Amino acid sequence: MITAPCHIGFDATVKLGATKDGKIVAGQYTYLIDGGAYTDQAAGITRAAALDCTGPYHIPNVWCDSYCMYTNHPYGTSFRGYGHPELTFAVERTMDMLAKQLNMCPIQLRKMNTIKPGHTSPTQAVITANNIGDAEKCMERAKELIEWDKGQRIELKSGKIRSKGISLFWKTSTTATNAQAAAFITFEADGSVNLNCAAIELGQGTKTVLAQILAEKLGMDMNRIHVTMELNTQYDPHQWRTVASSTTFLAGRAVMSAADHAIAQLKKTASIAMHCSIEDLEVGGGRVYLKANPEYGVNIKDIALGYKYPNGHAVEGQVIGTGKHIQRRLTPMDKETGFGKPGPWWSVGAQAVEVEWDKKDFTYKLLKAVTVLDGGTIINPGTATQQMRGGMYLGLSFASSEGFIFDENGLVQNPQLRTYQMLRFGEQPTEYLVDFVETPSADGPYGARGIGEYGVIGMAGALANSLSVAAEVELNQLPLHPEYIWKAKKENGT
């Protein structure tokens, strides 16, 4: 465990300046990223943390210093969220503390300062209705699901405390400015379709979503589409990487492009067979038919390998569609100013956690976890919901118990799974509640934005906010194990 790449360490100092009514006017952020003995992905994570340093808030005056540090710890690499669970923990804890100082509801403070179209990101990228979701709607829905109005802190007759915490989060897909994907589709004699691309299936449901996109575009039953991911760079079309929650976005657009190419071929062949204009034709239901008179048409299976005249002459041949998509209008970051456009969109969301805390032994039980995400058009709600649930579990695990313990010489004291604590079966929340707000992205396939990493990002912040309310002490360190809560209470004199 100590020779393999691990999670980065993250030390943050956040200063916010606000008016008395809660409008944030300035923010200063200092992030120290513990990359261990080798940089690996830590330098990239350091950059990503700076680009989204503020969280999904409109702050007119921003200063951020994000440093990648060499240490004698095991070296860190990229995990789900790419530095955003850590920066979100720091930002969301600060937001709760600011709300307390202003004597404001933490939800109201967040809603007042959410970033909206017309604002700019920390790197001065213009926020538009196309590239940002609706953070305020996400917050309102999360508030409903966690039943915030029933009370944020409730003392039970048993002496235990039930409390709720909430967090707001965002992330852009920080990609290469020429990140791209390609796909090709081939039609078989029975009218079925093969789809090939180089995206990697990691269990995130890429095969299913790409098949859905192609089926929708071709107006075809999804069962007639077969997705192949051979992962052989000698034969596969190019795919930038399967990272950054961008596979559906990039590969999906490539699949739509390939479908358009194939549709053009189908219409051309059908126009020959039907003696009509290409412009008069439409594709769908396994057929190519006349728009004005849909009962007249030909089956795709009869023209998938070309059309043969009654005299035996044949034309056109197999329908093979190729497509590609490349990121557009992205820019590198200016070294002097830090300005630039790092990604095509920002997905935003809100998360909440309810706990039951025992003030006798400082232990707690996870009762409910909530995620509301604006991922644009949600193509497959079932797989998207499971993505969020898996992310919540992962986020709660690293927030509540995971972490290396170092002695004064930086040596790891728990290098085995026996002593490295992870969230175990039975310790997860009793309820996982997931919902979506859909603000379509014009650039995404059917309006979709990335969602893969987002379930994990705000969980640490939400859990810490909930436990801070329960224990009535500011908990600004991870993991949030009972011993740490006890020490924090002791140091606070409570």
Protein backbone atom coordinates (compact mmCIF):
# COMPACT_ATOMS: atom_id res chain seq x y z
CA MET A 1 0.00 0.00 0.00
CA ILE A 2 2.83 2.44 0.69
CA THR A 3 4.68 1.74 -2.58
CA ALA A 4 1.58 2.16 -4.76
CA PRO A 5 0.29 5.64 -5.59
CA CYS A 6 -2.21 6.90 -3.04
CA HIS A 7 -4.55 9.80 -2.42
CA ILE A 8 -2.99 13.26 -2.30
CA GLY A 9 -2.65 15.23 0.92
CA PHE A 10 -4.25 18.66 0.95
CA ASP A 11 -3.73 21.60 3.30
CA ALA A 12 -5.89 24.65 2.68
CA THR A 13 -6.14 28.17 4.03
CA VAL A 14 -9.30 30.00 2.93
CA LYS A 15 -10.15 33.63 3.67
CA LEU A 16 -13.48 35.14 2.64
CA GLY A 17 -14.59 38.73 2.80
CA ALA A 18 -18.33 39.44 2.86
CA THR A 19 -20.77 42.24 3.47
CA LYS A 20 -23.00 42.11 6.56
CA ASP A 21 -25.90 40.80 4.50
CA GLY A 22 -23.80 37.85 3.26
CA LYS A 23 -22.60 38.91 -0.19
CA ILE A 24 -19.08 37.55 -0.68
CA VAL A 25 -16.83 40.13 -2.32
CA ALA A 26 -13.35 38.62 -1.98
CA GLY A 27 -11.67 35.29 -1.51
CA GLN A 28 -8.07 34.27 -0.91
CA TYR A 29 -7.07 30.62 -1.20
CA THR A 30 -3.78 28.89 -0.44
CA TYR A 31 -3.61 25.20 -1.32
CA LEU A 32 -0.63 23.01 -0.44
CA ILE A 33 -0.82 19.66 -2.22
CA ASP A 34 1.18 16.82 -0.69
CA GLY A 35 2.32 14.89 -3.76
CA GLY A 36 4.76 12.64 -1.92
CA ALA A 37 8.17 11.75 -3.26
CA TYR A 38 7.20 11.92 -6.96
CA THR A 39 4.91 14.29 -8.83
CA ASP A 40 2.98 11.72 -10.93
CA GLN A 41 -0.47 13.40 -11.23
CA ALA A 42 -0.02 15.72 -8.25
CA ALA A 43 1.10 18.66 -10.40
CA GLY A 44 -2.01 18.33 -12.56
CA ILE A 45 -4.21 18.10 -9.47
CA THR A 46 -2.54 21.24 -8.10
CA ARG A 47 -3.46 23.07 -11.29
CA ALA A 48 -7.04 21.72 -11.27
CA ALA A 49 -7.53 22.83 -7.67
CA ALA A 50 -6.49 26.37 -8.59
CA LEU A 51 -8.80 26.52 -11.61
CA ASP A 52 -11.91 25.77 -9.52
CA CYS A 53 -10.59 27.20 -6.25
CA THR A 54 -13.72 29.12 -5.24
CA GLY A 55 -16.29 26.37 -5.56
CA PRO A 56 -19.49 27.29 -7.46
CA TYR A 57 -19.63 30.83 -6.10
CA HIS A 58 -19.45 34.23 -7.74
CA ILE A 59 -16.61 36.06 -6.03
CA PRO A 60 -15.54 39.27 -7.81
CA ASN A 61 -12.03 39.39 -6.31
CA VAL A 62 -10.05 36.15 -6.16
CA TRP A 63 -6.45 35.31 -5.31
CA CYS A 64 -5.31 31.70 -5.30
CA ASP A 65 -1.88 30.16 -4.72
CA SER A 66 -1.81 26.41 -5.31
CA TYR A 67 1.49 24.66 -4.64
CA CYS A 68 2.57 21.11 -5.36
CA MET A 69 4.85 19.95 -2.53
CA TYR A 70 7.50 17.22 -2.46
CA THR A 71 7.41 15.28 0.82
CA ASN A 72 8.74 12.00 2.16
CA HIS A 73 5.23 10.51 2.09
CA PRO A 74 3.94 7.85 -0.36
CA TYR A 75 3.37 9.54 -3.69
CA GLY A 76 -0.12 10.71 -4.62
CA THR A 77 -2.01 10.32 -7.85
CA SER A 78 -5.42 11.09 -9.31
CA PHE A 79 -8.51 9.64 -7.70
CA ARG A 80 -12.15 10.27 -8.42
CA GLY A 81 -12.67 14.02 -8.27
CA TYR A 82 -9.09 15.06 -9.12
CA GLY A 83 -8.50 17.31 -6.10
CA HIS A 84 -12.06 18.63 -5.94
CA PRO A 85 -13.28 16.64 -2.89
CA GLU A 86 -10.41 18.22 -0.96
CA LEU A 87 -10.86 21.81 -2.12
CA THR A 88 -14.62 21.49 -1.71
CA PHE A 89 -14.15 20.31 1.88
CA ALA A 90 -12.10 23.43 2.63
CA VAL A 91 -14.46 25.82 0.84
CA GLU A 92 -17.65 24.34 2.28
CA ARG A 93 -16.36 24.28 5.83
CA THR A 94 -15.43 27.95 5.42
CA MET A 95 -18.89 28.73 4.06
CA ASP A 96 -20.54 27.17 7.11
CA MET A 97 -18.26 29.08 9.47
CA LEU A 98 -18.97 32.31 7.60
CA ALA A 99 -22.72 31.67 7.86
CA LYS A 100 -22.33 31.16 11.60
CA GLN A 101 -20.44 34.45 11.99
CA LEU A 102 -23.07 36.29 9.95
CA ASN A 103 -25.87 34.56 11.84
CA MET A 104 -27.29 33.34 8.54
CA CYS A 105 -28.78 30.07 7.35
CA PRO A 106 -25.92 28.25 5.55
CA ILE A 107 -28.24 27.41 2.67
CA GLN A 108 -29.31 31.02 2.26
CA LEU A 109 -25.68 32.15 2.21
CA ARG A 110 -24.87 29.66 -0.51
CA LYS A 111 -27.90 30.53 -2.64
CA MET A 112 -27.07 34.22 -2.40
CA ASN A 113 -23.58 33.64 -3.81
CA THR A 114 -24.03 30.85 -6.37
CA ILE A 115 -22.39 31.36 -9.72
CA LYS A 116 -24.77 32.06 -12.60
CA PRO A 117 -24.71 32.87 -16.33
CA GLY A 118 -23.06 36.23 -16.87
CA HIS A 119 -20.48 35.68 -14.14
CA THR A 120 -16.90 34.55 -14.69
CA SER A 121 -14.92 31.63 -13.31
CA PRO A 122 -11.75 32.15 -11.23
CA THR A 123 -9.79 31.99 -14.49
CA GLN A 124 -12.08 34.64 -16.06
CA ALA A 125 -13.86 32.18 -18.36
CA VAL A 126 -17.32 33.54 -19.10
CA ILE A 127 -20.11 31.51 -17.52
CA THR A 128 -23.10 31.01 -19.83
CA ALA A 129 -26.38 29.11 -19.72
CA ASN A 130 -24.69 26.56 -21.98
CA ASN A 131 -21.68 25.74 -19.79
CA ILE A 132 -23.09 25.93 -16.25
CA GLY A 133 -25.87 24.09 -14.47
CA ASP A 134 -28.34 25.51 -11.95
CA ALA A 135 -26.66 25.31 -8.53
CA GLU A 136 -29.51 27.08 -6.78
CA LYS A 137 -32.07 24.53 -7.98
CA CYS A 138 -29.77 21.71 -6.86
CA MET A 139 -29.52 23.29 -3.42
CA GLU A 140 -33.29 23.70 -3.10
CA ARG A 141 -33.93 20.08 -4.05
CA ALA A 142 -31.23 18.79 -1.69
CA LYS A 143 -32.81 20.87 1.07
CA GLU A 144 -36.12 19.10 0.44
CA LEU A 145 -34.63 15.61 0.34
CA ILE A 146 -32.66 16.04 3.57
CA GLU A 147 -35.76 17.60 5.20
CA TRP A 148 -33.78 20.61 6.32
CA ASP A 149 -36.81 22.53 7.56
CA LYS A 150 -37.48 19.88 10.22
CA GLY A 151 -34.38 21.11 12.05
CA GLN A 152 -30.62 21.09 11.46
CA ARG A 153 -29.80 19.92 15.00
CA ILE A 154 -32.19 17.82 17.08
CA GLU A 155 -31.48 16.43 20.53
CA LEU A 156 -33.13 13.03 21.00
CA LYS A 157 -34.50 11.65 24.26
CA SER A 158 -31.69 9.10 24.19
CA GLY A 159 -29.19 11.93 24.50
CA LYS A 160 -27.93 11.47 20.97
CA ILE A 161 -27.87 14.31 18.45
CA ARG A 162 -29.30 14.21 14.95
CA SER A 163 -27.79 16.81 12.66
CA LYS A 164 -27.63 17.74 9.00
CA GLY A 165 -24.94 19.28 6.86
CA ILE A 166 -25.00 20.46 3.28
CA SER A 167 -22.42 21.34 0.63
CA LEU A 168 -22.36 22.83 -2.84
CA PHE A 169 -19.82 21.68 -5.42
CA TRP A 170 -18.66 22.01 -8.98
CA LYS A 171 -16.00 20.71 -11.32
CA THR A 172 -14.93 21.44 -14.84
CA SER A 173 -13.46 18.81 -17.10
CA THR A 174 -9.88 20.07 -17.23
CA THR A 175 -8.75 18.49 -20.47
CA ALA A 176 -6.18 19.01 -23.18
CA THR A 177 -7.33 21.76 -25.52
CA ASN A 178 -7.30 19.20 -28.34
CA ALA A 179 -8.86 16.31 -26.38
CA GLN A 180 -10.88 14.24 -28.81
CA ALA A 181 -12.65 11.00 -29.59
CA ALA A 182 -13.55 9.08 -32.72
CA ALA A 183 -15.92 6.24 -33.55
CA PHE A 184 -17.00 4.16 -36.50
CA ILE A 185 -20.11 2.13 -37.15
CA THR A 186 -20.72 -0.66 -39.64
CA PHE A 187 -24.04 -2.02 -40.85
CA GLU A 188 -24.56 -5.77 -41.26
CA ALA A 189 -26.75 -7.61 -43.76
CA ASP A 190 -29.51 -8.12 -41.18
CA GLY A 191 -29.73 -4.38 -40.51
CA SER A 192 -27.93 -4.52 -37.17
CA VAL A 193 -25.12 -2.08 -36.36
CA ASN A 194 -21.66 -2.48 -34.85
CA LEU A 195 -20.18 0.45 -32.93
CA ASN A 196 -16.47 0.67 -32.26
CA CYS A 197 -14.64 3.27 -30.20
CA ALA A 198 -11.60 3.36 -27.89
CA ALA A 199 -13.34 4.50 -24.70
CA ILE A 200 -12.68 2.09 -21.83
CA GLU A 201 -15.55 0.46 -19.95
CA LEU A 202 -14.72 0.66 -16.25
CA GLY A 203 -18.18 -0.23 -15.05
CA GLN A 204 -19.46 3.31 -15.57
CA GLY A 205 -21.95 2.19 -18.24
CA THR A 206 -20.22 3.65 -21.30
CA LYS A 207 -21.33 0.81 -23.59
CA THR A 208 -24.95 1.27 -22.61
CA VAL A 209 -24.96 5.06 -22.96
CA LEU A 210 -23.20 5.05 -26.34
CA ALA A 211 -25.63 2.41 -27.60
CA GLN A 212 -28.51 4.58 -26.39
CA ILE A 213 -27.12 7.64 -28.17
CA LEU A 214 -26.69 5.73 -31.42
CA ALA A 215 -30.12 4.11 -31.14
CA GLU A 216 -31.72 7.51 -30.62
CA LYS A 217 -29.88 9.01 -33.57
CA LEU A 218 -30.75 6.14 -35.93
CA GLY A 219 -34.29 5.72 -34.62
CA MET A 220 -33.42 2.07 -34.05
CA ASP A 221 -34.08 -0.51 -31.34
CA MET A 222 -31.10 -0.53 -28.98
CA ASN A 223 -30.99 -4.33 -29.11
CA ARG A 224 -29.90 -4.05 -32.75
CA ILE A 225 -26.71 -2.23 -31.75
CA HIS A 226 -23.55 -4.05 -30.68
CA VAL A 227 -20.81 -2.03 -28.99
CA THR A 228 -17.21 -3.19 -29.32
CA MET A 229 -14.35 -1.86 -27.21
CA GLU A 230 -11.35 -3.99 -28.15
CA LEU A 231 -8.86 -1.56 -26.62
CA ASN A 232 -6.32 -2.12 -29.35
CA THR A 233 -4.70 1.10 -30.51
CA GLN A 234 -3.65 -0.56 -33.76
CA TYR A 235 -7.27 -0.95 -34.85
CA ASP A 236 -9.34 1.39 -32.70
CA PRO A 237 -10.05 5.02 -33.56
CA HIS A 238 -8.40 7.54 -31.28
CA GLN A 239 -9.76 8.42 -27.83
CA TRP A 240 -7.96 11.07 -25.75
CA ARG A 241 -8.43 9.30 -22.40
CA THR A 242 -11.19 7.75 -20.33
CA VAL A 243 -10.91 10.42 -17.64
CA ALA A 244 -12.31 13.78 -16.53
CA SER A 245 -15.95 12.64 -16.64
CA SER A 246 -15.74 13.33 -20.37
CA THR A 247 -16.30 9.96 -22.06
CA THR A 248 -20.01 10.42 -22.73
CA PHE A 249 -19.35 14.00 -23.81
CA LEU A 250 -16.52 13.25 -26.24
CA ALA A 251 -17.33 9.72 -27.44
CA GLY A 252 -21.03 10.51 -27.52
CA ARG A 253 -20.49 13.40 -29.91
CA ALA A 254 -18.21 11.21 -32.04
CA VAL A 255 -20.93 8.54 -32.21
CA MET A 256 -23.49 11.13 -33.28
CA SER A 257 -21.11 12.32 -36.00
CA ALA A 258 -20.60 8.74 -37.22
CA ALA A 259 -24.37 8.23 -37.25
CA ASP A 260 -24.84 11.36 -39.38
CA HIS A 261 -22.27 10.02 -41.83
CA ALA A 262 -24.06 6.66 -41.99
CA ILE A 263 -27.50 8.27 -42.34
CA ALA A 264 -26.27 10.24 -45.35
CA GLN A 265 -25.14 6.98 -46.98
CA LEU A 266 -28.42 5.21 -46.18
CA LYS A 267 -30.41 8.04 -47.71
CA LYS A 268 -28.27 8.10 -50.83
CA THR A 269 -28.62 4.35 -51.40
CA ALA A 270 -32.36 4.47 -50.62
CA SER A 271 -32.86 7.37 -53.06
CA ILE A 272 -31.40 5.17 -55.80
CA ALA A 273 -33.64 2.25 -54.88
CA MET A 274 -36.75 4.42 -54.53
CA HIS A 275 -36.05 6.82 -57.44
CA CYS A 276 -36.49 9.91 -55.29
CA SER A 277 -34.56 12.84 -53.89
CA ILE A 278 -32.32 12.41 -50.85
CA GLU A 279 -34.00 15.41 -49.25
CA ASP A 280 -37.35 13.59 -49.29
CA LEU A 281 -36.11 10.76 -47.04
CA GLU A 282 -35.99 10.07 -43.33
CA VAL A 283 -34.41 7.22 -41.33
CA GLY A 284 -36.03 5.40 -38.42
CA GLY A 285 -37.63 2.18 -37.26
CA GLY A 286 -35.18 0.08 -39.25
CA ARG A 287 -36.28 1.75 -42.49
CA VAL A 288 -35.56 4.62 -44.84
CA TYR A 289 -38.87 6.17 -45.87
CA LEU A 290 -40.50 9.15 -47.52
CA LYS A 291 -41.13 12.00 -45.10
CA ALA A 292 -44.42 12.87 -46.76
CA ASN A 293 -45.58 9.24 -47.11
CA PRO A 294 -43.89 7.06 -44.47
CA GLU A 295 -45.59 3.93 -45.80
CA TYR A 296 -43.26 4.09 -48.79
CA GLY A 297 -39.72 3.05 -47.97
CA VAL A 298 -37.08 0.33 -47.87
CA ASN A 299 -35.76 -1.74 -44.99
CA ILE A 300 -32.24 -0.88 -43.85
CA LYS A 301 -31.28 -4.55 -44.07
CA ASP A 302 -32.00 -4.46 -47.80
CA ILE A 303 -29.57 -1.59 -48.44
CA ALA A 304 -27.03 -2.01 -45.60
CA LEU A 305 -24.59 -3.70 -48.01
CA GLY A 306 -25.57 -1.58 -51.01
CA TYR A 307 -28.42 -1.85 -53.50
CA LYS A 308 -28.69 -4.45 -56.25
CA TYR A 309 -30.71 -3.66 -59.37
CA PRO A 310 -33.01 -6.33 -60.84
CA ASN A 311 -30.44 -6.90 -63.59
CA GLY A 312 -27.79 -7.76 -61.00
CA HIS A 313 -25.80 -4.54 -61.08
CA ALA A 314 -24.96 -3.23 -57.59
CA VAL A 315 -24.09 0.23 -56.25
CA GLU A 316 -22.86 1.97 -53.08
CA GLY A 317 -21.79 -1.03 -50.93
CA GLN A 318 -21.65 -1.42 -47.16
CA VAL A 319 -22.68 1.49 -45.01
CA ILE A 320 -19.72 2.49 -42.81
CA GLY A 321 -20.04 5.64 -40.74
CA THR A 322 -17.05 7.44 -39.26
CA GLY A 323 -17.19 10.31 -36.82
CA LYS A 324 -15.02 12.39 -34.54
CA HIS A 325 -15.27 15.21 -32.06
CA ILE A 326 -12.62 17.52 -30.64
CA GLN A 327 -12.85 19.98 -27.77
CA ARG A 328 -13.59 23.45 -29.01
CA ARG A 329 -12.72 26.95 -27.83
CA LEU A 330 -10.52 25.85 -24.93
CA THR A 331 -7.37 27.78 -24.09
CA PRO A 332 -4.24 27.12 -22.04
CA MET A 333 -3.83 29.05 -18.81
CA ASP A 334 -1.84 32.28 -19.07
CA LYS A 335 1.28 31.89 -16.91
CA GLU A 336 1.21 35.50 -15.76
CA THR A 337 -2.48 36.06 -15.05
CA GLY A 338 -3.85 32.54 -14.60
CA PHE A 339 -6.64 33.38 -17.04
CA GLY A 340 -8.02 30.95 -19.61
CA LYS A 341 -10.82 28.52 -20.38
CA PRO A 342 -9.86 25.10 -18.97
CA GLY A 343 -12.94 23.03 -19.81
CA PRO A 344 -16.10 22.93 -21.91
CA TRP A 345 -18.57 22.99 -19.00
CA TRP A 346 -19.00 22.98 -15.22
CA SER A 347 -21.34 20.43 -13.70
CA VAL A 348 -22.73 21.64 -10.38
CA GLY A 349 -24.58 19.96 -7.57
CA ALA A 350 -25.50 19.87 -3.91
CA GLN A 351 -25.02 17.12 -1.35
CA ALA A 352 -26.26 16.63 2.18
CA VAL A 353 -25.65 14.21 5.04
CA GLU A 354 -27.67 13.43 8.15
CA VAL A 355 -25.95 11.76 11.10
CA GLU A 356 -26.80 10.57 14.58
CA TRP A 357 -23.96 11.50 16.92
CA ASP A 358 -23.42 9.99 20.36
CA LYS A 359 -21.93 12.62 22.67
CA LYS A 360 -20.93 9.97 25.21
CA ASP A 361 -18.36 8.15 23.07
CA PHE A 362 -18.17 10.57 20.07
CA THR A 363 -19.20 7.87 17.59
CA TYR A 364 -21.79 8.53 14.90
CA LYS A 365 -24.09 6.70 12.54
CA LEU A 366 -24.70 7.76 8.95
CA LEU A 367 -28.44 8.03 8.42
CA LYS A 368 -28.98 9.67 5.07
CA ALA A 369 -26.91 10.88 2.14
CA VAL A 370 -28.32 13.09 -0.61
CA THR A 371 -27.00 14.10 -4.02
CA VAL A 372 -28.70 16.44 -6.47
CA LEU A 373 -26.66 16.99 -9.63
CA ASP A 374 -27.19 19.12 -12.70
CA GLY A 375 -25.49 17.00 -15.34
CA GLY A 376 -27.38 18.43 -18.28
CA THR A 377 -29.60 15.88 -19.99
CA ILE A 378 -29.43 12.60 -18.07
CA ILE A 379 -29.33 9.97 -20.79
CA ASN A 380 -29.69 6.95 -18.51
CA PRO A 381 -31.19 7.85 -15.10
CA GLY A 382 -30.62 4.33 -13.74
CA THR A 383 -26.88 4.18 -14.34
CA ALA A 384 -26.51 7.86 -13.41
CA THR A 385 -28.18 7.22 -10.06
CA GLN A 386 -25.85 4.31 -9.36
CA GLN A 387 -22.88 6.49 -10.30
CA MET A 388 -23.93 8.96 -7.63
CA ARG A 389 -24.51 6.26 -5.01
CA GLY A 390 -21.09 4.74 -5.59
CA GLY A 391 -19.52 8.18 -5.39
CA MET A 392 -21.29 8.96 -2.12
CA TYR A 393 -20.01 5.75 -0.56
CA LEU A 394 -16.46 6.49 -1.68
CA GLY A 395 -16.65 10.09 -0.46
CA LEU A 396 -18.00 9.10 2.93
CA SER A 397 -15.33 6.43 3.30
CA PHE A 398 -12.40 8.78 2.80
CA ALA A 399 -14.18 11.48 4.83
CA SER A 400 -14.98 9.32 7.85
CA SER A 401 -12.10 6.91 8.23
CA GLU A 402 -9.55 6.57 5.41
CA GLY A 403 -6.07 7.98 5.76
CA PHE A 404 -2.49 7.06 6.50
CA ILE A 405 -1.23 7.68 10.01
CA PHE A 406 2.33 9.09 10.11
CA ASP A 407 4.79 9.21 12.96
CA GLU A 408 7.13 12.17 13.55
CA ASN A 409 9.50 10.83 10.87
CA GLY A 410 6.79 10.55 8.24
CA LEU A 411 6.63 6.74 8.43
CA VAL A 412 3.25 5.16 7.77
CA GLN A 413 1.89 3.38 10.84
CA ASN A 414 -1.06 1.66 9.15
CA PRO A 415 0.23 0.18 5.89
CA GLN A 416 -2.16 -2.81 5.85
CA LEU A 417 -5.84 -3.25 5.12
CA ARG A 418 -6.18 -4.57 8.68
CA THR A 419 -5.29 -1.14 10.06
CA TYR A 420 -6.19 1.17 7.16
CA GLN A 421 -9.83 1.83 7.95
CA MET A 422 -12.41 1.97 5.17
CA LEU A 423 -16.17 2.28 5.36
CA ARG A 424 -17.43 -1.26 5.80
CA PHE A 425 -20.65 -2.89 4.74
CA GLY A 426 -23.30 -1.97 7.28
CA GLU A 427 -21.72 1.40 8.04
CA GLN A 428 -23.12 3.09 4.95
CA PRO A 429 -26.12 5.44 5.23
CA THR A 430 -29.52 3.85 5.66
CA GLU A 431 -30.76 5.94 2.73
CA TYR A 432 -29.09 7.14 -0.45
CA LEU A 433 -31.30 9.73 -2.15
CA VAL A 434 -30.39 10.90 -5.66
CA ASP A 435 -32.10 13.37 -7.95
CA PHE A 436 -31.14 15.38 -10.99
CA VAL A 437 -31.69 18.88 -12.31
CA GLU A 438 -31.40 18.98 -16.09
CA THR A 439 -30.01 22.13 -17.70
CA PRO A 440 -28.94 20.91 -21.17
CA SER A 441 -25.51 21.73 -22.54
CA ALA A 442 -25.66 22.77 -26.18
CA ASP A 443 -22.28 21.15 -26.90
CA GLY A 444 -23.02 17.79 -25.29
CA PRO A 445 -24.69 14.79 -26.91
CA TYR A 446 -28.40 15.48 -26.52
CA GLY A 447 -27.47 18.10 -23.93
CA ALA A 448 -25.43 15.85 -21.60
CA ARG A 449 -22.54 17.01 -19.43
CA GLY A 450 -20.09 14.86 -17.48
CA ILE A 451 -21.25 13.23 -14.22
CA GLY A 452 -18.83 10.38 -13.46
CA GLU A 453 -16.80 11.94 -10.66
CA TYR A 454 -19.39 14.17 -9.08
CA GLY A 455 -20.96 11.84 -6.53
CA VAL A 456 -17.82 11.93 -4.38
CA ILE A 457 -16.96 15.63 -4.43
CA GLY A 458 -19.15 17.22 -1.77
CA MET A 459 -19.54 14.36 0.70
CA ALA A 460 -16.61 15.23 2.98
CA GLY A 461 -17.79 18.82 3.27
CA ALA A 462 -21.38 17.81 3.99
CA LEU A 463 -20.34 15.24 6.61
CA ALA A 464 -17.99 17.67 8.35
CA ASN A 465 -20.66 20.36 8.38
CA SER A 466 -23.15 17.95 9.89
CA LEU A 467 -20.79 16.71 12.59
CA SER A 468 -19.62 20.24 13.40
CA VAL A 469 -23.23 21.18 14.10
CA ALA A 470 -23.77 18.03 16.17
CA ALA A 471 -20.59 18.36 18.27
CA GLU A 472 -20.75 22.17 18.37
CA VAL A 473 -17.09 22.45 17.40
CA GLU A 474 -15.42 23.29 14.09
CA LEU A 475 -14.10 20.10 12.48
CA ASN A 476 -11.65 21.10 9.77
CA GLN A 477 -9.57 17.96 9.35
CA LEU A 478 -10.06 14.58 7.70
CA PRO A 479 -10.76 11.80 8.42
CA LEU A 480 -13.60 12.51 10.82
CA HIS A 481 -13.10 9.62 13.22
CA PRO A 482 -14.45 9.75 16.80
CA GLU A 483 -11.01 10.29 18.36
CA TYR A 484 -10.49 13.45 16.31
CA ILE A 485 -13.91 14.80 17.33
CA TRP A 486 -13.07 14.09 20.97
CA LYS A 487 -9.72 15.90 20.68
CA ALA A 488 -11.36 18.86 18.94
CA LYS A 489 -13.92 19.14 21.72
CA LYS A 490 -11.19 18.88 24.35
CA GLU A 491 -9.04 21.56 22.70
CA ASN A 492 -12.10 23.78 22.45
CA GLY A 493 -12.73 23.38 26.17
CA THR A 494 -16.13 21.76 25.62
